Structure formats: C-alpha cells, structure tokens
Amino acid sequence: MSRYILCVMAVTAAFLSGVKASAQDTGYDVFNPIAKYLAMGDAEKLSAWFSDNLEVTIFSDSNDSSRNQARQIVKSFFRSYTPRSFEITHKAGRSNMKYALGTLNAGGELFLVTIFVGYDDTAYRIQHLKIERLN
C-alpha cells in the first residue's frame, strides 16, 4: 500500500508540475490580441495594451510617448499603410518581460514588427513597439 501511495504522490507531483509550467507559459497569450489588433489596423484597441509610457519606433524615428501619443503615432502609420495581415514569427522572454517578432503586410509592403511587453502590477503591457521595413 505504501508503494501505491508513493506512486500516486509521484504521478500527482508530475501532473502538478506540468500544470504549473503550462500556467507560466500562458503569459505568451498576451501576443494573441496584440497580433489581432495589428492585423486589423486598430490603433484604439491596440493602445489598450500600451504602458502608460512607452517607446514607439517607426522606421528610424523613435519616440518616448504617452499612451495617447503612441496611439496617434500608430494610427497615423495605419492610415499610411493599411494592414492586410500580421503573423508572429518568434516569441521569447522571461516571466516578467517578453518579446515577439512578426511580419506585417501593410500598404503593399512588408514590415518587421518587434513588440516588447513587460508585466506591471496587474498585466502585461507593451513597453516598446518597433516597425521597420523589410528589404
């Protein structure tokens, strides 16, 4: 009987450690809505994911911006380059800081988008959004 209990405890521990690992991995889900709003060209909904202050870099023009300023910068970009699709190609990071790389098809051109998110007191927020032309 003690072998049975030890076996059950080992299986339970393995299961719980697997649950814990997958719960930690759910932080990557933050990129799903961000990718959706980039693909839609929806600066309003995308800005809900912005930190209060963040860096926005479009081409080589970098701006430290408030959430409202960043929303206007991104909205202006979307007016000039209407998004058709966005696909995340790479994700990485640590528990409180993550980044994703993706390809944005907009205005007949392809762009490399880099998104850095950090965890504040309650949620992940975009701290840096960078858009560059792909050659």
Protein backbone atom coordinates (compact mmCIF):
# COMPACT_ATOMS: atom_id res chain seq x y z
CA MET A 1 0.00 0.00 0.00
CA SER A 2 2.81 2.43 0.77
CA ARG A 3 4.23 1.83 -2.73
CA TYR A 4 0.82 2.68 -4.15
CA ILE A 5 0.68 5.94 -2.16
CA LEU A 6 4.22 6.84 -3.24
CA CYS A 7 3.31 6.13 -6.86
CA VAL A 8 0.15 8.26 -6.63
CA MET A 9 2.14 11.06 -4.99
CA ALA A 10 4.78 10.90 -7.75
CA VAL A 11 2.15 11.00 -10.51
CA THR A 12 0.33 13.86 -8.77
CA ALA A 13 3.58 15.82 -8.38
CA ALA A 14 4.43 15.28 -12.04
CA PHE A 15 0.96 16.39 -13.08
CA LEU A 16 1.03 19.50 -10.87
CA SER A 17 4.48 20.50 -12.10
CA GLY A 18 3.18 20.17 -15.67
CA VAL A 19 0.17 22.34 -14.82
CA LYS A 20 2.43 24.94 -13.26
CA ALA A 21 4.68 25.03 -16.33
CA SER A 22 1.74 25.44 -18.68
CA ALA A 23 0.25 28.17 -16.48
CA GLN A 24 3.53 30.07 -16.72
CA ASP A 25 3.53 29.66 -20.50
CA THR A 26 0.10 31.31 -20.78
CA GLY A 27 1.89 34.66 -20.49
CA TYR A 28 2.64 34.27 -24.20
CA ASP A 29 -1.09 34.58 -24.86
CA VAL A 30 -0.70 38.35 -24.46
CA PHE A 31 0.52 38.41 -28.05
CA ASN A 32 -2.69 36.92 -29.45
CA PRO A 33 -4.86 40.04 -29.02
CA ILE A 34 -1.94 42.32 -29.88
CA ALA A 35 -1.38 40.43 -33.15
CA LYS A 36 -5.10 40.56 -33.89
CA TYR A 37 -5.26 44.36 -33.47
CA LEU A 38 -2.09 44.87 -35.54
CA ALA A 39 -3.60 42.77 -38.35
CA MET A 40 -6.84 44.78 -38.15
CA GLY A 41 -5.01 48.11 -38.03
CA ASP A 42 -7.00 49.01 -34.91
CA ALA A 43 -4.88 51.57 -33.05
CA GLU A 44 -7.63 52.17 -30.47
CA LYS A 45 -7.80 48.55 -29.31
CA LEU A 46 -4.05 48.07 -29.66
CA SER A 47 -3.43 51.07 -27.40
CA ALA A 48 -5.30 49.34 -24.57
CA TRP A 49 -2.19 47.13 -24.35
CA PHE A 50 0.22 50.10 -24.17
CA SER A 51 2.06 51.01 -20.97
CA ASP A 52 1.35 54.48 -19.64
CA ASN A 53 4.68 55.49 -21.19
CA LEU A 54 6.34 53.54 -23.98
CA GLU A 55 8.77 53.82 -26.84
CA VAL A 56 7.38 53.74 -30.37
CA THR A 57 9.84 53.38 -33.23
CA ILE A 58 8.58 53.62 -36.79
CA PHE A 59 11.33 53.25 -39.36
CA SER A 60 14.19 55.09 -37.63
CA ASP A 61 12.03 57.68 -35.84
CA SER A 62 11.91 56.78 -32.15
CA ASN A 63 9.60 58.49 -29.65
CA ASP A 64 9.17 58.15 -25.91
CA SER A 65 5.43 58.61 -25.73
CA SER A 66 2.43 58.60 -23.50
CA ARG A 67 -0.25 56.03 -24.30
CA ASN A 68 -2.29 58.69 -26.15
CA GLN A 69 0.67 59.96 -28.16
CA ALA A 70 1.64 56.40 -29.09
CA ARG A 71 -1.93 55.68 -30.20
CA GLN A 72 -1.83 58.70 -32.52
CA ILE A 73 1.55 57.66 -33.96
CA VAL A 74 0.32 54.13 -34.66
CA LYS A 75 -3.00 55.42 -36.03
CA SER A 76 -1.08 57.67 -38.44
CA PHE A 77 1.06 54.71 -39.55
CA PHE A 78 -2.08 52.61 -40.17
CA ARG A 79 -3.59 55.44 -42.25
CA SER A 80 -0.50 55.48 -44.47
CA TYR A 81 -0.05 51.70 -44.56
CA THR A 82 -3.35 49.84 -44.29
CA PRO A 83 -2.68 46.45 -42.66
CA ARG A 84 -3.71 43.30 -44.50
CA SER A 85 -2.18 40.69 -42.22
CA PHE A 86 0.16 40.19 -39.30
CA GLU A 87 1.91 36.98 -38.29
CA ILE A 88 4.09 36.43 -35.23
CA THR A 89 7.22 34.55 -36.28
CA HIS A 90 9.13 34.36 -32.97
CA LYS A 91 8.41 34.70 -29.24
CA ALA A 92 10.77 34.63 -26.27
CA GLY A 93 11.36 36.12 -22.87
CA ARG A 94 11.27 35.64 -19.15
CA SER A 95 8.42 35.63 -16.70
CA ASN A 96 8.10 39.43 -16.43
CA MET A 97 9.46 40.53 -19.83
CA LYS A 98 8.64 39.03 -23.21
CA TYR A 99 9.10 39.94 -26.84
CA ALA A 100 7.71 38.88 -30.16
CA LEU A 101 8.81 39.41 -33.74
CA GLY A 102 6.32 39.42 -36.55
CA THR A 103 5.72 40.29 -40.16
CA LEU A 104 3.15 42.94 -41.02
CA ASN A 105 1.78 43.11 -44.56
CA ALA A 106 0.51 46.68 -44.92
CA GLY A 107 0.09 49.13 -47.77
CA GLY A 108 1.60 46.67 -50.23
CA GLU A 109 4.83 46.42 -48.22
CA LEU A 110 6.25 44.06 -45.60
CA PHE A 111 7.37 45.28 -42.20
CA LEU A 112 9.23 43.67 -39.32
CA VAL A 113 7.44 44.39 -36.05
CA THR A 114 9.13 43.96 -32.68
CA ILE A 115 6.96 44.04 -29.58
CA PHE A 116 8.40 44.18 -26.07
CA VAL A 117 5.95 43.65 -23.21
CA GLY A 118 6.61 43.91 -19.50
CA TYR A 119 4.50 42.90 -16.56
CA ASP A 120 3.29 45.79 -14.41
CA ASP A 121 1.28 45.31 -11.20
CA THR A 122 -1.63 43.60 -12.91
CA ALA A 123 -0.96 42.72 -16.55
CA TYR A 124 1.47 42.63 -19.44
CA ARG A 125 1.75 45.96 -21.29
CA ILE A 126 3.62 47.00 -24.43
CA GLN A 127 6.73 48.95 -23.46
CA HIS A 128 8.28 49.20 -26.91
CA LEU A 129 6.74 48.82 -30.35
CA LYS A 130 9.09 48.94 -33.33
CA ILE A 131 8.13 48.83 -37.01
CA GLU A 132 10.80 48.55 -39.72
CA ARG A 133 10.64 47.99 -43.47
CA LEU A 134 11.75 44.58 -44.66
CA ASN A 135 14.06 44.67 -47.66
